[in-house]
Amino acid sequence: MKKTNSSKSRRNFIKNTALASSVFIVPRHVLGGPGFIAPSDRLHIAAIGAGGKGASDIANASVDGRERIVALCDVDFSGSAKRSVERFPKAKLFSDYREMLDKMKGIDAVTISTPDHVHGPAASYAMERGKHVYVQKPITHNIREARMLTEMAREKQVVTQMGNQGGSNPLLGMVQEWVDSGKLGKISKIEVWTNRPVWPQGYAFPSPDPESKPADFNWDLWLGPAPMRPYTPNLHPFNWRGWWDYGTGALGDVGCHLLDIPYRTLGLKYPTSAECSVGTVFSQMWTPDYNPEGCPASSFITLTYEETEKTGSPVTMTWSDGGIRPSHPPIIPADDDIGGPGSYNGVLIHGENGVISTNINDSSPLTPKLYLNDGTRIFGPEVEEMEEPEYGHQRKWVDACKAGFGSEEHLGLTSSFDYAGPMTETVLMGNLAIRSYMLRRENAEGNMEFYGRKKLLWDGENMKVTNFDDANQFVTRTYREGWEM
């Protein structure tokens, strides 16, 4: 058995990658172009969502103070957004991003790190005003919004980036080389899984309690495009993820990290079909609870793709969440983890010659491993070291904003909307299948029946399920007045 272990550290790998891709700064009079800002000038950046993940996004976008943070927008500055206020004391504060963007004409770019349901409306509002945007994953709450933002970015010629920072992880190059060199042969099967959710999901929606609303929390602005309802505790700042009005479940949380690996390296396009099943929570009456407002406790989804140049075969991809993971492929030793440490999250790419096993593609160890039928094993570095926060994902976007739309820096971004939009549509197609699966109605006998449990055939170009029209309601959403896209 041949065995090779990489002795390079992550640090050396990143340094070598950075040297190989370095570019020279070209004078402003040579470059020009739409949206170009001279490298010597400071980009004026604002944050929409300044707490939680937003605090690190705007901090990383400032590039250690190289750029100017001019405004912060958040619905509650009494929480974790206080860190951003303390870090950028000269920034003006707003609770409504629409007011901020209309009043402050000098903003060049914004980071958007809100709950998922606000991503699309906030990004479109900013891009309509010519602002470059960095949007946390998934870039939108539904498929129609993702398509709209992708097209709008081209039309407005603004520089975009989605916050799946693992897309800038240089170790992805190792996975890409294994695929491009044909080591796996034809690829027909992908398995992706996660231990999420790690928040309440699969249960009844929490009860409203208007009297408990914090004094400094703007509930109306937090709801944004979602339907109006009385203040409901235990949604902000994190547990909104499991409810369809605001979040996109486990897929939205880590799907844009995990599915990104095969989608990117295999050159996948829109899926051609989607099918799912979900775990159920049983009540004391031994009847399955039905919670159309929320994501299920667990799900299993199958997506199919047409053959690409890199796969050489049609592909079936499965996704499972709620802690359900695939079995060990025979080629991987029984004592080896699959995916990441503990096998909690991961990706298996199956080819006719072997298997690639790798991990969640964000700031966790990627640790790619190649197992071939001839006994070859090639493992990537096990130690995670980053030269700069989140592989410079935000800084690269800032540099591209300054270089301008269509620049080398812009075209070199790993998750601009030209890529991230279609990839997000794949992620959200899984959620469309879940929501369709949970449709129910009264039958002739007066009993409630689930009638959407079908394999959905998907026309990706036209964003339409072709064999079950009721599922198409989940391609978009109904917007509260004043928040339409």
Protein backbone atom coordinates (compact mmCIF):
# COMPACT_ATOMS: atom_id res chain seq x y z
CA MET A 1 0.00 0.00 0.00
CA LYS A 2 1.34 3.40 -0.96
CA LYS A 3 0.90 6.14 1.58
CA THR A 4 1.86 9.78 1.28
CA ASN A 5 1.35 12.37 4.01
CA SER A 6 1.74 16.06 3.27
CA SER A 7 4.38 17.58 5.52
CA LYS A 8 3.58 21.11 4.49
CA SER A 9 1.90 23.23 7.10
CA ARG A 10 -1.20 25.26 6.27
CA ARG A 11 0.96 28.36 6.64
CA ASN A 12 3.39 27.32 3.90
CA PHE A 13 0.53 26.21 1.66
CA ILE A 14 -1.19 29.57 1.99
CA LYS A 15 2.07 31.52 1.47
CA ASN A 16 2.85 29.59 -1.70
CA THR A 17 -0.69 30.05 -2.99
CA ALA A 18 -0.60 33.78 -2.26
CA LEU A 19 2.75 34.18 -4.07
CA ALA A 20 1.49 32.27 -7.08
CA SER A 21 -1.55 34.53 -7.40
CA SER A 22 -0.01 37.89 -6.47
CA VAL A 23 -0.66 40.90 -8.69
CA PHE A 24 0.95 44.31 -9.08
CA ILE A 25 -0.95 47.48 -8.18
CA VAL A 26 -1.65 49.39 -11.38
CA PRO A 27 -1.96 53.20 -11.27
CA ARG A 28 -5.44 54.68 -11.27
CA HIS A 29 -5.03 56.39 -14.64
CA VAL A 30 -4.23 53.02 -16.24
CA LEU A 31 -7.12 51.05 -14.71
CA GLY A 32 -10.16 53.29 -14.44
CA GLY A 33 -13.41 51.49 -15.11
CA PRO A 34 -16.80 51.36 -13.37
CA GLY A 35 -16.68 51.65 -9.61
CA PHE A 36 -12.88 51.95 -9.51
CA ILE A 37 -11.34 53.48 -6.38
CA ALA A 38 -7.63 54.14 -6.25
CA PRO A 39 -5.75 51.73 -3.97
CA SER A 40 -4.47 54.72 -2.01
CA ASP A 41 -8.05 55.87 -1.26
CA ARG A 42 -10.03 54.48 1.66
CA LEU A 43 -13.18 52.59 0.87
CA HIS A 44 -16.20 53.91 2.80
CA ILE A 45 -18.01 50.87 4.19
CA ALA A 46 -21.21 50.43 6.22
CA ALA A 47 -22.55 47.41 8.08
CA ILE A 48 -26.15 46.22 7.85
CA GLY A 49 -26.22 43.96 10.88
CA ALA A 50 -23.37 44.92 13.18
CA GLY A 51 -23.67 42.24 15.87
CA GLY A 52 -22.95 38.52 15.88
CA LYS A 53 -21.36 37.47 12.59
CA GLY A 54 -21.77 41.04 11.42
CA ALA A 55 -19.20 42.21 13.97
CA SER A 56 -16.47 40.04 12.47
CA ASP A 57 -17.57 40.73 8.89
CA ILE A 58 -17.27 44.50 9.24
CA ALA A 59 -14.08 44.21 11.30
CA ASN A 60 -12.45 42.03 8.64
CA ALA A 61 -13.68 44.36 5.89
CA SER A 62 -11.92 47.27 7.60
CA VAL A 63 -8.61 45.44 6.95
CA ASP A 64 -7.09 46.50 10.29
CA GLY A 65 -8.22 50.11 9.84
CA ARG A 66 -6.98 50.45 6.27
CA GLU A 67 -10.57 51.19 5.14
CA ARG A 68 -13.05 53.58 6.72
CA ILE A 69 -16.17 52.27 8.48
CA VAL A 70 -18.59 55.16 8.19
CA ALA A 71 -21.91 53.72 9.41
CA LEU A 72 -23.38 50.86 11.39
CA CYS A 73 -26.98 49.68 11.12
CA ASP A 74 -28.56 47.31 13.62
CA VAL A 75 -31.97 46.78 15.17
CA ASP A 76 -30.46 46.38 18.65
CA PHE A 77 -27.26 48.15 19.68
CA SER A 78 -27.65 46.92 23.24
CA GLY A 79 -26.53 43.41 22.26
CA SER A 80 -23.43 42.09 20.51
CA ALA A 81 -23.48 45.07 18.12
CA LYS A 82 -21.89 47.05 20.96
CA ARG A 83 -18.56 45.50 19.93
CA SER A 84 -18.76 47.20 16.55
CA VAL A 85 -19.72 50.54 18.09
CA GLU A 86 -16.72 50.35 20.40
CA ARG A 87 -14.41 49.34 17.57
CA PHE A 88 -15.64 52.05 15.18
CA PRO A 89 -16.65 54.96 17.45
CA LYS A 90 -16.77 57.47 14.57
CA ALA A 91 -19.33 55.49 12.59
CA LYS A 92 -22.85 56.89 12.43
CA LEU A 93 -25.56 54.65 13.86
CA PHE A 94 -28.85 53.69 12.21
CA SER A 95 -31.62 51.18 12.89
CA ASP A 96 -33.08 51.18 9.35
CA TYR A 97 -30.70 50.40 6.45
CA ARG A 98 -33.00 52.21 4.03
CA GLU A 99 -32.60 55.45 5.95
CA MET A 100 -28.85 54.92 6.19
CA LEU A 101 -28.39 54.33 2.46
CA ASP A 102 -30.66 57.23 1.50
CA LYS A 103 -29.04 59.75 3.86
CA MET A 104 -25.37 58.79 3.51
CA LYS A 105 -24.52 59.24 -0.15
CA GLY A 106 -20.79 58.61 0.34
CA ILE A 107 -21.07 54.91 1.20
CA ASP A 108 -19.15 52.78 -1.31
CA ALA A 109 -19.92 49.30 -0.02
CA VAL A 110 -21.90 47.44 2.64
CA THR A 111 -21.62 44.19 4.53
CA ILE A 112 -24.97 42.48 5.18
CA SER A 113 -25.07 40.09 8.13
CA THR A 114 -28.73 39.97 9.13
CA PRO A 115 -31.08 37.00 9.48
CA ASP A 116 -31.59 35.30 6.12
CA HIS A 117 -34.97 36.87 5.34
CA VAL A 118 -33.45 40.38 5.13
CA HIS A 119 -30.48 39.47 2.90
CA GLY A 120 -32.30 39.89 -0.40
CA PRO A 121 -34.20 43.12 0.32
CA ALA A 122 -31.15 44.78 1.89
CA ALA A 123 -28.77 43.73 -0.89
CA SER A 124 -31.12 44.82 -3.66
CA TYR A 125 -31.72 48.18 -1.94
CA ALA A 126 -27.97 48.73 -1.74
CA MET A 127 -27.19 47.59 -5.28
CA GLU A 128 -29.95 49.76 -6.73
CA ARG A 129 -27.95 52.67 -5.29
CA GLY A 130 -24.70 51.46 -6.81
CA LYS A 131 -23.18 50.01 -3.63
CA HIS A 132 -20.88 47.00 -3.64
CA VAL A 133 -22.21 44.28 -1.34
CA TYR A 134 -20.86 41.49 0.83
CA VAL A 135 -23.75 39.28 1.97
CA GLN A 136 -23.65 36.47 4.48
CA LYS A 137 -24.67 32.98 3.35
CA PRO A 138 -27.09 32.14 1.95
CA ILE A 139 -27.24 35.32 -0.10
CA THR A 140 -31.03 35.11 -0.10
CA HIS A 141 -34.02 33.52 1.58
CA ASN A 142 -35.49 32.04 -1.62
CA ILE A 143 -34.56 31.05 -5.17
CA ARG A 144 -36.19 34.00 -6.95
CA GLU A 145 -34.24 36.46 -4.80
CA ALA A 146 -30.95 34.69 -5.59
CA ARG A 147 -31.61 34.97 -9.32
CA MET A 148 -32.59 38.63 -8.97
CA LEU A 149 -29.41 39.54 -7.08
CA THR A 150 -27.21 37.66 -9.54
CA GLU A 151 -28.70 39.56 -12.47
CA MET A 152 -28.75 42.88 -10.62
CA ALA A 153 -25.05 42.67 -9.77
CA ARG A 154 -24.22 42.40 -13.48
CA GLU A 155 -26.66 45.15 -14.45
CA LYS A 156 -25.45 47.60 -11.81
CA GLN A 157 -21.79 46.55 -12.24
CA VAL A 158 -21.17 46.23 -8.52
CA VAL A 159 -18.67 43.91 -6.85
CA THR A 160 -20.28 41.16 -4.77
CA GLN A 161 -19.19 38.38 -2.44
CA MET A 162 -21.12 35.83 -0.39
CA GLY A 163 -19.91 35.08 3.12
CA ASN A 164 -18.99 31.42 2.62
CA GLN A 165 -15.41 32.19 3.58
CA GLY A 166 -14.31 28.60 3.02
CA GLY A 167 -14.49 29.32 -0.70
CA SER A 168 -11.23 31.21 -0.21
CA ASN A 169 -9.58 28.30 1.63
CA PRO A 170 -6.50 27.43 -0.46
CA LEU A 171 -6.82 23.74 0.46
CA LEU A 172 -9.77 23.61 -1.93
CA GLY A 173 -7.08 23.70 -4.59
CA MET A 174 -5.98 20.25 -3.46
CA VAL A 175 -9.48 18.84 -3.95
CA GLN A 176 -9.71 20.62 -7.30
CA GLU A 177 -6.40 19.12 -8.47
CA TRP A 178 -7.53 15.60 -7.56
CA VAL A 179 -10.70 16.11 -9.62
CA ASP A 180 -9.03 17.86 -12.57
CA SER A 181 -6.25 15.28 -12.82
CA GLY A 182 -8.81 12.51 -13.19
CA LYS A 183 -7.64 10.59 -10.14
CA LEU A 184 -11.22 9.65 -9.24
CA GLY A 185 -12.27 8.77 -12.77
CA LYS A 186 -15.95 9.25 -13.49
CA ILE A 187 -17.84 10.76 -10.54
CA SER A 188 -21.48 9.82 -10.02
CA LYS A 189 -22.24 10.08 -6.30
CA ILE A 190 -21.83 12.73 -3.58
CA GLU A 191 -22.87 12.47 0.07
CA VAL A 192 -23.08 15.57 2.28
CA TRP A 193 -24.17 15.69 5.92
CA THR A 194 -24.23 17.83 9.06
CA ASN A 195 -25.01 17.59 12.75
CA ARG A 196 -27.10 20.79 12.50
CA PRO A 197 -29.52 22.03 13.70
CA VAL A 198 -27.96 23.18 16.94
CA TRP A 199 -30.95 25.45 17.65
CA PRO A 200 -34.64 24.65 18.38
CA GLN A 201 -36.23 23.13 15.29
CA GLY A 202 -39.05 20.75 14.53
CA TYR A 203 -41.39 22.00 17.25
CA ALA A 204 -44.29 24.42 17.54
CA PHE A 205 -43.61 28.11 17.01
CA PRO A 206 -42.88 29.94 20.30
CA SER A 207 -45.65 31.97 21.88
CA PRO A 208 -45.63 35.77 21.54
CA ASP A 209 -44.95 37.92 24.59
CA PRO A 210 -45.02 41.63 23.66
CA GLU A 211 -44.38 42.71 27.24
CA SER A 212 -40.96 41.07 27.25
CA LYS A 213 -39.54 42.99 24.28
CA PRO A 214 -36.26 44.72 25.18
CA ALA A 215 -36.62 48.49 25.14
CA ASP A 216 -33.82 49.04 22.61
CA PHE A 217 -34.88 46.29 20.20
CA ASN A 218 -36.74 47.44 17.05
CA TRP A 219 -39.00 44.46 16.41
CA ASP A 220 -40.74 45.96 13.37
CA LEU A 221 -37.44 46.46 11.53
CA TRP A 222 -36.23 43.01 12.57
CA LEU A 223 -39.33 41.48 10.96
CA GLY A 224 -38.60 43.37 7.74
CA PRO A 225 -40.31 41.56 4.83
CA ALA A 226 -41.81 38.85 7.09
CA PRO A 227 -45.46 38.99 8.18
CA MET A 228 -46.26 41.22 11.14
CA ARG A 229 -46.76 39.35 14.41
CA PRO A 230 -46.48 40.36 18.09
CA TYR A 231 -43.01 40.32 19.59
CA THR A 232 -41.91 36.73 20.09
CA PRO A 233 -38.99 36.00 22.41
CA ASN A 234 -36.27 33.45 21.71
CA LEU A 235 -35.96 34.27 18.01
CA HIS A 236 -33.37 37.06 18.11
CA PRO A 237 -30.41 36.86 17.90
CA PHE A 238 -29.99 33.20 16.82
CA ASN A 239 -33.00 30.88 17.08
CA TRP A 240 -34.72 32.39 14.04
CA ARG A 241 -32.86 29.87 11.84
CA GLY A 242 -35.45 27.12 12.27
CA TRP A 243 -38.49 29.14 11.11
CA TRP A 244 -39.31 29.63 7.43
CA ASP A 245 -40.38 33.27 7.78
CA TYR A 246 -36.83 34.19 8.79
CA GLY A 247 -34.38 31.33 8.32
CA THR A 248 -33.43 28.56 5.95
CA GLY A 249 -32.67 25.77 8.40
CA ALA A 250 -29.60 23.58 8.45
CA LEU A 251 -29.18 23.88 4.69
CA GLY A 252 -29.02 27.66 4.87
CA ASP A 253 -26.66 27.58 7.82
CA VAL A 254 -23.97 25.21 6.52
CA GLY A 255 -25.17 24.09 3.09
CA CYS A 256 -23.36 27.00 1.46
CA HIS A 257 -20.15 25.71 3.08
CA LEU A 258 -20.57 21.98 2.54
CA LEU A 259 -22.33 21.88 -0.83
CA ASP A 260 -19.90 24.51 -2.05
CA ILE A 261 -17.10 21.91 -2.14
CA PRO A 262 -18.61 19.55 -4.75
CA TYR A 263 -20.52 22.30 -6.52
CA ARG A 264 -17.33 24.30 -7.05
CA THR A 265 -14.86 21.52 -7.79
CA LEU A 266 -17.15 19.52 -10.07
CA GLY A 267 -18.60 22.44 -12.04
CA LEU A 268 -22.21 21.53 -11.21
CA LYS A 269 -25.11 23.58 -12.56
CA TYR A 270 -28.79 23.71 -11.59
CA PRO A 271 -30.18 20.41 -10.24
CA THR A 272 -32.64 18.56 -12.47
CA SER A 273 -34.70 17.02 -9.67
CA ALA A 274 -35.15 17.09 -5.91
CA GLU A 275 -36.74 14.59 -3.55
CA CYS A 276 -36.83 14.49 0.22
CA SER A 277 -38.11 12.90 3.39
CA VAL A 278 -38.17 14.44 6.86
CA GLY A 279 -38.01 13.24 10.43
CA THR A 280 -41.19 13.69 12.45
CA VAL A 281 -41.79 14.56 16.09
CA PHE A 282 -44.61 12.51 17.64
CA SER A 283 -46.96 13.90 20.25
CA GLN A 284 -48.38 11.98 23.18
CA MET A 285 -51.30 11.01 20.95
CA TRP A 286 -48.85 9.24 18.61
CA THR A 287 -49.66 11.49 15.72
CA PRO A 288 -46.92 13.32 13.85
CA ASP A 289 -46.76 17.00 14.75
CA TYR A 290 -47.24 19.23 11.73
CA ASN A 291 -45.35 22.51 11.87
CA PRO A 292 -45.60 24.27 8.51
CA GLU A 293 -44.00 27.37 10.04
CA GLY A 294 -40.75 25.62 10.82
CA CYS A 295 -38.03 23.38 9.45
CA PRO A 296 -38.14 19.69 10.43
CA ALA A 297 -35.87 18.21 13.08
CA SER A 298 -34.04 16.23 10.39
CA SER A 299 -34.24 15.74 6.65
CA PHE A 300 -32.82 13.65 3.82
CA ILE A 301 -32.66 15.19 0.35
CA THR A 302 -31.62 13.79 -3.02
CA LEU A 303 -30.60 16.14 -5.84
CA THR A 304 -29.66 15.04 -9.35
CA TYR A 305 -27.38 16.86 -11.80
CA GLU A 306 -26.50 16.48 -15.43
CA GLU A 307 -23.02 15.32 -16.40
CA THR A 308 -20.31 17.99 -16.42
CA GLU A 309 -16.88 18.03 -18.03
CA LYS A 310 -15.36 17.27 -14.64
CA THR A 311 -17.69 14.44 -13.59
CA GLY A 312 -17.94 12.50 -16.85
CA SER A 313 -21.24 11.13 -15.57
CA PRO A 314 -24.63 12.29 -14.25
CA VAL A 315 -24.42 12.93 -10.51
CA THR A 316 -26.65 12.11 -7.56
CA MET A 317 -26.05 14.20 -4.43
CA THR A 318 -27.62 13.41 -1.07
CA TRP A 319 -27.88 15.75 1.91
CA SER A 320 -28.77 14.72 5.45
CA ASP A 321 -29.06 16.83 8.60
CA GLY A 322 -30.11 16.32 12.18
CA GLY A 323 -27.04 14.19 12.88
CA ILE A 324 -27.79 11.49 10.28
CA ARG A 325 -24.63 10.63 8.34
CA PRO A 326 -23.65 8.15 5.62
CA SER A 327 -22.01 4.81 6.28
CA HIS A 328 -18.26 4.32 5.87
CA PRO A 329 -17.33 3.55 2.26
CA PRO A 330 -15.50 0.17 2.19
CA ILE A 331 -12.37 1.88 0.90
CA ILE A 332 -12.03 4.05 4.05
CA PRO A 333 -10.64 2.20 7.10
CA ALA A 334 -13.22 1.60 9.80
CA ASP A 335 -11.31 3.64 12.38
CA ASP A 336 -10.87 6.70 10.13
CA ASP A 337 -13.32 9.56 10.49
CA ILE A 338 -15.31 10.42 7.40
CA GLY A 339 -15.59 14.12 6.65
CA GLY A 340 -14.32 16.07 9.64
CA PRO A 341 -13.26 15.15 13.16
CA GLY A 342 -15.87 12.93 14.76
CA SER A 343 -17.60 12.57 11.38
CA TYR A 344 -20.12 15.24 12.47
CA ASN A 345 -20.03 17.17 9.17
CA GLY A 346 -18.58 16.22 5.84
CA VAL A 347 -18.52 15.56 2.13
CA LEU A 348 -17.78 12.30 0.32
CA ILE A 349 -17.15 12.50 -3.44
CA HIS A 350 -17.33 9.01 -4.94
CA GLY A 351 -15.57 8.17 -8.20
CA GLU A 352 -14.96 4.92 -10.02
CA ASN A 353 -11.35 4.93 -8.76
CA GLY A 354 -11.84 6.03 -5.17
CA VAL A 355 -13.29 8.57 -2.73
CA ILE A 356 -12.49 12.11 -1.57
CA SER A 357 -13.40 12.70 2.08
CA THR A 358 -13.39 16.26 3.38
CA ASN A 359 -14.93 18.55 5.96
CA ILE A 360 -17.07 21.63 6.48
CA ASN A 361 -15.68 24.38 4.31
CA ASP A 362 -15.43 27.40 6.60
CA SER A 363 -12.96 28.17 9.40
CA SER A 364 -12.95 24.55 10.58
CA PRO A 365 -10.25 22.13 9.36
CA LEU A 366 -10.93 21.23 5.75
CA THR A 367 -8.54 18.25 5.90
CA PRO A 368 -9.05 16.77 2.42
CA LYS A 369 -8.27 13.07 2.11
CA LEU A 370 -8.02 10.98 -1.05
CA TYR A 371 -8.48 7.20 -0.92
CA LEU A 372 -7.87 5.30 -4.17
CA ASN A 373 -8.70 1.71 -5.02
CA ASP A 374 -5.02 0.94 -5.71
CA GLY A 375 -4.16 1.71 -2.07
CA THR A 376 -2.93 5.27 -2.54
CA ARG A 377 -3.81 7.65 0.26
CA ILE A 378 -3.06 11.37 0.10
CA PHE A 379 -3.97 13.52 3.09
CA GLY A 380 -3.94 17.30 3.30
CA PRO A 381 -2.48 19.22 6.26
CA GLU A 382 -4.19 18.48 9.57
CA VAL A 383 -3.30 21.78 11.27
CA GLU A 384 -5.51 24.76 10.51
CA GLU A 385 -3.55 28.01 10.26
CA MET A 386 -4.79 31.14 8.56
CA GLU A 387 -2.51 33.99 7.52
CA GLU A 388 -5.43 36.39 7.94
CA PRO A 389 -8.99 36.09 9.29
CA GLU A 390 -11.26 33.81 7.28
CA TYR A 391 -8.66 33.39 4.52
CA GLY A 392 -8.92 37.08 3.63
CA HIS A 393 -12.41 36.52 2.21
CA GLN A 394 -13.64 40.01 3.15
CA ARG A 395 -10.34 41.73 2.34
CA LYS A 396 -10.31 40.24 -1.16
CA TRP A 397 -13.80 41.65 -1.71
CA VAL A 398 -12.64 45.08 -0.48
CA ASP A 399 -9.64 44.97 -2.82
CA ALA A 400 -11.95 44.06 -5.70
CA CYS A 401 -14.30 46.93 -4.83
CA LYS A 402 -11.38 49.33 -5.10
CA ALA A 403 -10.15 47.80 -8.35
CA GLY A 404 -13.63 47.95 -9.87
CA PHE A 405 -16.18 45.74 -11.60
CA GLY A 406 -14.55 43.49 -14.18
CA SER A 407 -11.05 43.93 -12.75
CA GLU A 408 -8.66 41.04 -12.22
CA GLU A 409 -9.37 41.25 -8.48
CA HIS A 410 -13.11 41.13 -9.08
CA LEU A 411 -12.91 38.20 -11.50
CA GLY A 412 -10.70 36.37 -9.02
CA LEU A 413 -13.25 36.43 -6.19
CA THR A 414 -14.30 32.97 -5.09
CA SER A 415 -17.96 33.72 -4.28
CA SER A 416 -19.14 36.65 -6.36
CA PHE A 417 -22.85 36.40 -7.14
CA ASP A 418 -22.12 34.96 -10.61
CA TYR A 419 -21.03 31.84 -8.73
CA ALA A 420 -22.76 32.19 -5.36
CA GLY A 421 -26.20 32.89 -6.84
CA PRO A 422 -26.59 29.60 -8.74
CA MET A 423 -24.93 27.68 -5.92
CA THR A 424 -27.37 29.21 -3.41
CA GLU A 425 -30.23 28.20 -5.68
CA THR A 426 -29.09 24.58 -5.33
CA VAL A 427 -29.07 24.92 -1.53
CA LEU A 428 -32.52 26.50 -1.49
CA MET A 429 -33.87 23.87 -3.88
CA GLY A 430 -33.42 21.42 -1.02
CA ASN A 431 -35.60 23.63 1.17
CA LEU A 432 -38.21 23.89 -1.57
CA ALA A 433 -38.39 20.09 -1.57
CA ILE A 434 -38.82 20.04 2.22
CA ARG A 435 -41.62 22.58 2.17
CA SER A 436 -43.37 20.80 -0.68
CA TYR A 437 -43.07 17.50 1.19
CA MET A 438 -44.89 19.03 4.18
CA LEU A 439 -47.89 20.34 2.19
CA ARG A 440 -51.15 18.86 3.33
CA ARG A 441 -54.88 19.21 2.68
CA GLU A 442 -58.20 17.65 3.62
CA ASN A 443 -59.13 14.59 1.58
CA ALA A 444 -62.56 13.26 0.62
CA GLU A 445 -62.86 11.40 3.91
CA GLY A 446 -62.30 14.59 5.88
CA ASN A 447 -58.80 13.59 6.99
CA MET A 448 -55.67 15.64 6.51
CA GLU A 449 -53.23 14.13 4.03
CA PHE A 450 -49.75 15.05 2.84
CA TYR A 451 -49.97 15.44 -0.92
CA GLY A 452 -46.63 16.93 -1.91
CA ARG A 453 -44.45 13.89 -1.32
CA LYS A 454 -43.17 13.64 -4.85
CA LYS A 455 -39.93 13.69 -6.78
CA LEU A 456 -39.86 17.26 -8.06
CA LEU A 457 -38.62 17.82 -11.61
CA TRP A 458 -36.82 21.16 -11.81
CA ASP A 459 -36.39 23.52 -14.75
CA GLY A 460 -33.51 25.57 -13.35
CA GLU A 461 -33.32 28.13 -16.13
CA ASN A 462 -36.98 29.07 -15.62
CA MET A 463 -37.02 28.46 -11.83
CA LYS A 464 -40.02 26.14 -12.07
CA VAL A 465 -41.11 22.73 -10.82
CA THR A 466 -42.63 21.15 -13.91
CA ASN A 467 -44.62 18.25 -12.41
CA PHE A 468 -46.18 19.73 -9.24
CA ASP A 469 -47.28 23.32 -9.51
CA ASP A 470 -48.13 23.78 -5.82
CA ALA A 471 -44.42 23.51 -5.02
CA ASN A 472 -43.69 26.66 -7.04
CA GLN A 473 -45.14 28.86 -4.31
CA PHE A 474 -41.86 28.30 -2.45
CA VAL A 475 -39.70 29.70 -5.26
CA THR A 476 -40.49 33.12 -3.81
CA ARG A 477 -42.34 34.56 -0.82
CA THR A 478 -45.04 37.11 0.03
CA TYR A 479 -43.49 40.39 1.22
CA ARG A 480 -44.83 42.71 3.84
CA GLU A 481 -45.81 46.09 2.36
CA GLY A 482 -42.82 48.39 2.06
CA TRP A 483 -40.29 45.54 1.87
CA GLU A 484 -40.97 44.20 -1.61
CA MET A 485 -38.21 43.26 -4.03
